Amino acid sequence: MRTTWPTDPRALAEAAGPGWGGLWSLLYTAERAVAALGQVVSFAEGMDLLWLGSELRQAADDAARSHPDDVAAAVAVDLGPLSEQDDPHQARRLLVGLVAAVIGRADDLLAGDPPTDDVLALTGIASMAFAARIALTGGAR
């Protein structure tokens, strides 16, 4: 089976750019991709993805509130819908890579000795991303 989405998340992570804007871009892309994947999987998987999409959306909103100027200049990427002929397992693997990129971007931002408010936001985003990666990996049979 094929997918109309890219297969390598590294290109998306690179296009997102650095900093808070890049973090937001990755979260936005992942949230939109989760919503699209939720349309072509079983009802039970779709419900799990609905939870995940909500978590990603909240994290993106938190980043936007914390750093509105960075996010205003960020790239918003929507991969579009998956058709029923697309491979949902391949799409899920791309999502795992996007969430891993979120973790990496949060780690990069934490390494810069940010203020306490940013540390709290970044650790919350990273924790959510680790849980999301586990959920996505568990569903990638």
N, C-alpha and C. Protein backbone atom coordinates (compact mmCIF):
# COMPACT_ATOMS: atom_id res chain seq x y z
N MET A 1 0.84 -1.18 0.00
CA MET A 1 0.00 0.00 0.00
C MET A 1 0.88 1.25 0.00
N ARG A 2 0.33 2.34 -0.35
CA ARG A 2 1.05 3.60 -0.45
C ARG A 2 0.46 4.62 0.51
N THR A 3 1.10 5.74 0.59
CA THR A 3 0.53 6.88 1.28
C THR A 3 0.87 8.13 0.49
N THR A 4 -0.02 9.09 0.51
CA THR A 4 0.23 10.34 -0.19
C THR A 4 1.07 11.29 0.66
N TRP A 5 1.30 10.93 1.88
CA TRP A 5 2.12 11.73 2.79
C TRP A 5 3.59 11.42 2.58
N PRO A 6 4.47 12.31 3.03
CA PRO A 6 5.89 11.98 2.99
C PRO A 6 6.16 10.80 3.92
N THR A 7 7.23 10.08 3.65
CA THR A 7 7.56 8.93 4.49
C THR A 7 8.66 9.23 5.49
N ASP A 8 9.36 10.34 5.31
CA ASP A 8 10.48 10.69 6.18
C ASP A 8 10.14 11.94 6.98
N PRO A 9 9.98 11.82 8.29
CA PRO A 9 9.63 12.99 9.10
C PRO A 9 10.76 14.00 9.22
N ARG A 10 11.97 13.61 8.89
CA ARG A 10 13.10 14.53 9.03
C ARG A 10 12.93 15.77 8.14
N ALA A 11 12.38 15.59 6.95
CA ALA A 11 12.18 16.73 6.06
C ALA A 11 11.16 17.70 6.66
N LEU A 12 10.13 17.17 7.28
CA LEU A 12 9.13 18.03 7.94
C LEU A 12 9.74 18.75 9.14
N ALA A 13 10.56 18.05 9.90
CA ALA A 13 11.21 18.66 11.06
C ALA A 13 12.16 19.77 10.63
N GLU A 14 12.87 19.54 9.55
CA GLU A 14 13.78 20.57 9.04
C GLU A 14 13.00 21.78 8.52
N ALA A 15 11.92 21.54 7.81
CA ALA A 15 11.11 22.63 7.27
C ALA A 15 10.46 23.45 8.38
N ALA A 16 10.20 22.81 9.52
CA ALA A 16 9.55 23.50 10.64
C ALA A 16 10.42 24.62 11.18
N GLY A 17 11.71 24.44 11.10
CA GLY A 17 12.63 25.46 11.61
C GLY A 17 12.90 25.29 13.09
N PRO A 18 13.76 26.15 13.63
CA PRO A 18 14.17 26.03 15.03
C PRO A 18 13.23 26.74 15.99
N GLY A 19 13.53 26.59 17.25
CA GLY A 19 12.89 27.37 18.29
C GLY A 19 11.42 27.06 18.52
N TRP A 20 10.77 28.01 19.17
CA TRP A 20 9.36 27.84 19.52
C TRP A 20 8.47 27.78 18.30
N GLY A 21 8.82 28.52 17.27
CA GLY A 21 8.04 28.46 16.04
C GLY A 21 8.11 27.08 15.42
N GLY A 22 9.30 26.49 15.42
CA GLY A 22 9.47 25.13 14.89
C GLY A 22 8.74 24.10 15.74
N LEU A 23 8.79 24.29 17.05
CA LEU A 23 8.06 23.39 17.94
C LEU A 23 6.57 23.45 17.65
N TRP A 24 6.04 24.66 17.55
CA TRP A 24 4.62 24.81 17.24
C TRP A 24 4.29 24.17 15.89
N SER A 25 5.13 24.39 14.89
CA SER A 25 4.89 23.83 13.56
C SER A 25 4.80 22.31 13.61
N LEU A 26 5.71 21.68 14.33
CA LEU A 26 5.68 20.22 14.46
C LEU A 26 4.42 19.75 15.17
N LEU A 27 4.03 20.45 16.22
CA LEU A 27 2.81 20.09 16.94
C LEU A 27 1.59 20.24 16.06
N TYR A 28 1.53 21.33 15.30
CA TYR A 28 0.40 21.58 14.41
C TYR A 28 0.32 20.50 13.33
N THR A 29 1.45 20.21 12.71
CA THR A 29 1.48 19.19 11.66
C THR A 29 1.04 17.84 12.22
N ALA A 30 1.56 17.48 13.38
CA ALA A 30 1.19 16.20 14.00
C ALA A 30 -0.29 16.16 14.35
N GLU A 31 -0.81 17.25 14.88
CA GLU A 31 -2.24 17.29 15.25
C GLU A 31 -3.12 17.12 14.02
N ARG A 32 -2.79 17.79 12.94
CA ARG A 32 -3.58 17.67 11.71
C ARG A 32 -3.46 16.25 11.13
N ALA A 33 -2.26 15.68 11.20
CA ALA A 33 -2.06 14.33 10.68
C ALA A 33 -2.82 13.30 11.50
N VAL A 34 -2.86 13.48 12.80
CA VAL A 34 -3.63 12.58 13.67
C VAL A 34 -5.11 12.64 13.30
N ALA A 35 -5.60 13.84 13.05
CA ALA A 35 -7.01 13.98 12.67
C ALA A 35 -7.30 13.25 11.36
N ALA A 36 -6.38 13.37 10.40
CA ALA A 36 -6.56 12.70 9.12
C ALA A 36 -6.50 11.18 9.27
N LEU A 37 -5.55 10.70 10.07
CA LEU A 37 -5.44 9.26 10.30
C LEU A 37 -6.69 8.72 10.98
N GLY A 38 -7.25 9.50 11.90
CA GLY A 38 -8.46 9.09 12.61
C GLY A 38 -9.65 8.84 11.70
N GLN A 39 -9.60 9.39 10.50
CA GLN A 39 -10.70 9.22 9.55
C GLN A 39 -10.65 7.90 8.79
N VAL A 40 -9.51 7.19 8.82
CA VAL A 40 -9.38 5.97 8.01
C VAL A 40 -9.10 4.72 8.83
N VAL A 41 -9.17 4.83 10.15
CA VAL A 41 -8.93 3.67 11.00
C VAL A 41 -10.24 3.24 11.64
N SER A 42 -10.18 2.18 12.42
CA SER A 42 -11.38 1.70 13.10
C SER A 42 -11.88 2.74 14.09
N PHE A 43 -13.11 2.55 14.51
CA PHE A 43 -13.72 3.47 15.47
C PHE A 43 -12.90 3.52 16.76
N ALA A 44 -12.49 2.36 17.27
CA ALA A 44 -11.73 2.32 18.52
C ALA A 44 -10.40 3.06 18.36
N GLU A 45 -9.69 2.82 17.27
CA GLU A 45 -8.43 3.53 17.04
C GLU A 45 -8.70 5.02 16.87
N GLY A 46 -9.77 5.35 16.20
CA GLY A 46 -10.13 6.75 16.00
C GLY A 46 -10.37 7.47 17.31
N MET A 47 -10.97 6.80 18.27
CA MET A 47 -11.21 7.41 19.58
C MET A 47 -9.89 7.68 20.29
N ASP A 48 -8.95 6.73 20.21
CA ASP A 48 -7.63 6.96 20.79
C ASP A 48 -6.94 8.14 20.12
N LEU A 49 -7.06 8.23 18.81
CA LEU A 49 -6.44 9.33 18.08
C LEU A 49 -7.11 10.66 18.39
N LEU A 50 -8.40 10.64 18.68
CA LEU A 50 -9.09 11.86 19.07
C LEU A 50 -8.48 12.43 20.34
N TRP A 51 -8.19 11.56 21.32
CA TRP A 51 -7.52 11.99 22.54
C TRP A 51 -6.16 12.58 22.21
N LEU A 52 -5.41 11.89 21.38
CA LEU A 52 -4.07 12.33 21.03
C LEU A 52 -4.11 13.68 20.32
N GLY A 53 -5.03 13.85 19.39
CA GLY A 53 -5.16 15.12 18.69
C GLY A 53 -5.46 16.26 19.65
N SER A 54 -6.31 16.00 20.63
CA SER A 54 -6.63 17.01 21.63
C SER A 54 -5.39 17.41 22.43
N GLU A 55 -4.58 16.45 22.79
CA GLU A 55 -3.35 16.73 23.53
C GLU A 55 -2.37 17.55 22.69
N LEU A 56 -2.22 17.18 21.43
CA LEU A 56 -1.32 17.91 20.54
C LEU A 56 -1.82 19.34 20.31
N ARG A 57 -3.10 19.50 20.14
CA ARG A 57 -3.69 20.82 19.94
C ARG A 57 -3.47 21.70 21.17
N GLN A 58 -3.65 21.13 22.35
CA GLN A 58 -3.43 21.90 23.58
C GLN A 58 -1.98 22.32 23.70
N ALA A 59 -1.06 21.43 23.37
CA ALA A 59 0.36 21.76 23.44
C ALA A 59 0.71 22.86 22.44
N ALA A 60 0.15 22.79 21.24
CA ALA A 60 0.39 23.83 20.23
C ALA A 60 -0.19 25.17 20.72
N ASP A 61 -1.35 25.14 21.32
CA ASP A 61 -1.96 26.36 21.85
C ASP A 61 -1.10 26.95 22.97
N ASP A 62 -0.55 26.10 23.82
CA ASP A 62 0.32 26.57 24.90
C ASP A 62 1.57 27.24 24.33
N ALA A 63 2.15 26.63 23.30
CA ALA A 63 3.34 27.23 22.67
C ALA A 63 2.98 28.57 22.04
N ALA A 64 1.82 28.67 21.42
CA ALA A 64 1.40 29.91 20.78
C ALA A 64 1.16 31.02 21.81
N ARG A 65 0.59 30.66 22.95
CA ARG A 65 0.37 31.66 24.00
C ARG A 65 1.69 32.12 24.62
N SER A 66 2.63 31.19 24.77
CA SER A 66 3.92 31.51 25.39
C SER A 66 4.81 32.36 24.49
N HIS A 67 4.77 32.11 23.19
CA HIS A 67 5.68 32.77 22.25
C HIS A 67 4.93 33.15 20.97
N PRO A 68 4.00 34.09 21.09
CA PRO A 68 3.15 34.41 19.93
C PRO A 68 3.92 34.95 18.73
N ASP A 69 4.97 35.72 18.95
CA ASP A 69 5.71 36.26 17.81
C ASP A 69 6.42 35.16 17.03
N ASP A 70 7.02 34.20 17.75
CA ASP A 70 7.69 33.08 17.08
C ASP A 70 6.70 32.23 16.30
N VAL A 71 5.55 31.99 16.90
CA VAL A 71 4.53 31.15 16.26
C VAL A 71 3.90 31.87 15.07
N ALA A 72 3.77 33.18 15.16
CA ALA A 72 3.20 33.94 14.05
C ALA A 72 4.04 33.80 12.78
N ALA A 73 5.34 33.59 12.95
CA ALA A 73 6.23 33.44 11.80
C ALA A 73 6.46 31.98 11.41
N ALA A 74 5.81 31.05 12.10
CA ALA A 74 6.04 29.62 11.88
C ALA A 74 5.33 29.10 10.64
N VAL A 75 5.80 27.97 10.17
CA VAL A 75 5.23 27.29 9.01
C VAL A 75 4.12 26.35 9.49
N ALA A 76 2.94 26.48 8.90
CA ALA A 76 1.83 25.59 9.23
C ALA A 76 1.68 24.58 8.09
N VAL A 77 1.91 23.30 8.40
CA VAL A 77 1.86 22.26 7.37
C VAL A 77 0.71 21.30 7.69
N ASP A 78 -0.20 21.18 6.73
CA ASP A 78 -1.28 20.20 6.82
C ASP A 78 -1.04 19.19 5.71
N LEU A 79 -0.81 17.95 6.07
CA LEU A 79 -0.49 16.91 5.08
C LEU A 79 -1.69 16.48 4.26
N GLY A 80 -2.86 16.93 4.65
CA GLY A 80 -4.06 16.58 3.91
C GLY A 80 -4.62 15.23 4.32
N PRO A 81 -5.70 14.84 3.67
CA PRO A 81 -6.37 13.59 4.06
C PRO A 81 -5.63 12.36 3.54
N LEU A 82 -5.91 11.27 4.20
CA LEU A 82 -5.49 9.96 3.71
C LEU A 82 -6.72 9.33 3.07
N SER A 83 -6.52 8.62 1.99
CA SER A 83 -7.64 7.91 1.38
C SER A 83 -7.69 6.51 1.98
N GLU A 84 -8.74 5.81 1.71
CA GLU A 84 -8.86 4.44 2.24
C GLU A 84 -7.85 3.50 1.60
N GLN A 85 -7.26 3.90 0.48
CA GLN A 85 -6.22 3.09 -0.17
C GLN A 85 -4.85 3.34 0.44
N ASP A 86 -4.69 4.39 1.22
CA ASP A 86 -3.42 4.70 1.84
C ASP A 86 -3.14 3.72 2.98
N ASP A 87 -1.88 3.57 3.29
CA ASP A 87 -1.45 2.65 4.34
C ASP A 87 -1.46 3.36 5.69
N PRO A 88 -2.41 3.06 6.56
CA PRO A 88 -2.45 3.74 7.85
C PRO A 88 -1.25 3.41 8.74
N HIS A 89 -0.63 2.25 8.55
CA HIS A 89 0.56 1.90 9.35
C HIS A 89 1.73 2.79 8.97
N GLN A 90 1.88 3.06 7.70
CA GLN A 90 2.95 3.95 7.24
C GLN A 90 2.69 5.37 7.74
N ALA A 91 1.44 5.80 7.70
CA ALA A 91 1.08 7.12 8.20
C ALA A 91 1.36 7.21 9.70
N ARG A 92 1.06 6.16 10.42
CA ARG A 92 1.33 6.12 11.87
C ARG A 92 2.82 6.22 12.14
N ARG A 93 3.63 5.55 11.32
CA ARG A 93 5.09 5.63 11.49
C ARG A 93 5.59 7.06 11.28
N LEU A 94 5.01 7.77 10.31
CA LEU A 94 5.37 9.16 10.11
C LEU A 94 5.02 9.98 11.35
N LEU A 95 3.86 9.72 11.93
CA LEU A 95 3.44 10.42 13.14
C LEU A 95 4.40 10.15 14.30
N VAL A 96 4.85 8.92 14.42
CA VAL A 96 5.83 8.60 15.47
C VAL A 96 7.08 9.45 15.28
N GLY A 97 7.52 9.60 14.04
CA GLY A 97 8.68 10.43 13.76
C GLY A 97 8.43 11.90 14.06
N LEU A 98 7.24 12.39 13.76
CA LEU A 98 6.91 13.79 14.07
C LEU A 98 6.91 14.03 15.58
N VAL A 99 6.34 13.10 16.32
CA VAL A 99 6.30 13.25 17.77
C VAL A 99 7.72 13.16 18.35
N ALA A 100 8.55 12.31 17.78
CA ALA A 100 9.96 12.24 18.21
C ALA A 100 10.66 13.57 17.94
N ALA A 101 10.32 14.21 16.83
CA ALA A 101 10.90 15.52 16.51
C ALA A 101 10.43 16.58 17.52
N VAL A 102 9.19 16.48 17.98
CA VAL A 102 8.69 17.38 19.02
C VAL A 102 9.54 17.22 20.28
N ILE A 103 9.81 15.98 20.66
CA ILE A 103 10.63 15.72 21.86
C ILE A 103 12.01 16.33 21.68
N GLY A 104 12.59 16.12 20.52
CA GLY A 104 13.92 16.68 20.24
C GLY A 104 13.93 18.19 20.29
N ARG A 105 12.91 18.82 19.71
CA ARG A 105 12.85 20.28 19.70
C ARG A 105 12.68 20.81 21.11
N ALA A 106 11.84 20.16 21.92
CA ALA A 106 11.67 20.58 23.31
C ALA A 106 12.99 20.45 24.07
N ASP A 107 13.72 19.36 23.83
CA ASP A 107 15.02 19.18 24.48
C ASP A 107 16.00 20.28 24.06
N ASP A 108 16.00 20.64 22.78
CA ASP A 108 16.87 21.71 22.30
C ASP A 108 16.56 23.02 23.02
N LEU A 109 15.28 23.32 23.16
CA LEU A 109 14.88 24.55 23.82
C LEU A 109 15.22 24.53 25.31
N LEU A 110 15.12 23.37 25.94
CA LEU A 110 15.48 23.24 27.35
C LEU A 110 16.97 23.41 27.58
N ALA A 111 17.78 23.03 26.61
CA ALA A 111 19.23 23.13 26.74
C ALA A 111 19.71 24.58 26.75
N GLY A 112 18.88 25.50 26.28
CA GLY A 112 19.26 26.90 26.22
C GLY A 112 19.05 27.68 27.52
N ASP A 113 18.81 27.00 28.63
CA ASP A 113 18.59 27.64 29.92
C ASP A 113 17.44 28.66 29.88
N PRO A 114 16.24 28.18 29.54
CA PRO A 114 15.09 29.08 29.42
C PRO A 114 14.56 29.51 30.80
N PRO A 115 13.72 30.54 30.80
CA PRO A 115 13.08 30.95 32.06
C PRO A 115 12.16 29.84 32.59
N THR A 116 11.84 29.94 33.86
CA THR A 116 11.07 28.91 34.55
C THR A 116 9.74 28.61 33.85
N ASP A 117 9.02 29.63 33.40
CA ASP A 117 7.74 29.40 32.72
C ASP A 117 7.93 28.54 31.47
N ASP A 118 9.01 28.80 30.73
CA ASP A 118 9.29 28.01 29.53
C ASP A 118 9.68 26.58 29.89
N VAL A 119 10.43 26.43 30.98
CA VAL A 119 10.81 25.08 31.42
C VAL A 119 9.56 24.27 31.74
N LEU A 120 8.63 24.88 32.44
CA LEU A 120 7.39 24.17 32.78
C LEU A 120 6.61 23.80 31.52
N ALA A 121 6.50 24.73 30.59
CA ALA A 121 5.77 24.45 29.35
C ALA A 121 6.47 23.36 28.55
N LEU A 122 7.78 23.45 28.43
CA LEU A 122 8.52 22.48 27.62
C LEU A 122 8.50 21.08 28.24
N THR A 123 8.61 20.99 29.54
CA THR A 123 8.56 19.66 30.16
C THR A 123 7.16 19.06 30.02
N GLY A 124 6.12 19.89 30.09
CA GLY A 124 4.76 19.39 29.85
C GLY A 124 4.59 18.90 28.43
N ILE A 125 5.10 19.66 27.47
CA ILE A 125 5.01 19.26 26.05
C ILE A 125 5.79 17.98 25.81
N ALA A 126 7.00 17.90 26.37
CA ALA A 126 7.81 16.69 26.19
C ALA A 126 7.14 15.47 26.82
N SER A 127 6.56 15.64 28.00
CA SER A 127 5.87 14.51 28.65
C SER A 127 4.70 14.03 27.81
N MET A 128 3.92 14.98 27.29
CA MET A 128 2.80 14.62 26.42
C MET A 128 3.31 13.90 25.18
N ALA A 129 4.40 14.39 24.61
CA ALA A 129 4.95 13.78 23.40
C ALA A 129 5.45 12.36 23.65
N PHE A 130 6.06 12.12 24.80
CA PHE A 130 6.49 10.75 25.13
C PHE A 130 5.28 9.83 25.24
N ALA A 131 4.21 10.29 25.90
CA ALA A 131 3.00 9.49 26.02
C ALA A 131 2.38 9.25 24.64
N ALA A 132 2.40 10.28 23.79
CA ALA A 132 1.86 10.14 22.44
C ALA A 132 2.66 9.13 21.63
N ARG A 133 3.97 9.17 21.75
CA ARG A 133 4.81 8.22 21.01
C ARG A 133 4.53 6.80 21.45
N ILE A 134 4.36 6.60 22.75
CA ILE A 134 4.04 5.26 23.25
C ILE A 134 2.69 4.81 22.68
N ALA A 135 1.70 5.69 22.70
CA ALA A 135 0.37 5.34 22.20
C ALA A 135 0.43 5.02 20.71
N LEU A 136 1.15 5.81 19.95
CA LEU A 136 1.26 5.58 18.51
C LEU A 136 2.04 4.31 18.18
N THR A 137 3.08 4.06 18.92
CA THR A 137 3.90 2.87 18.68
C THR A 137 3.12 1.61 19.03
N GLY A 138 2.34 1.69 20.11
CA GLY A 138 1.54 0.54 20.50
C GLY A 138 0.48 0.20 19.47
N GLY A 139 0.04 1.21 18.72
CA GLY A 139 -0.97 0.98 17.70
C GLY A 139 -0.40 0.64 16.34
N ALA A 140 0.93 0.68 16.18
CA ALA A 140 1.57 0.42 14.89
C ALA A 140 1.92 -1.07 14.81
N ARG A 141 0.93 -1.87 14.60
CA ARG A 141 1.16 -3.32 14.57
C ARG A 141 1.66 -3.76 13.22
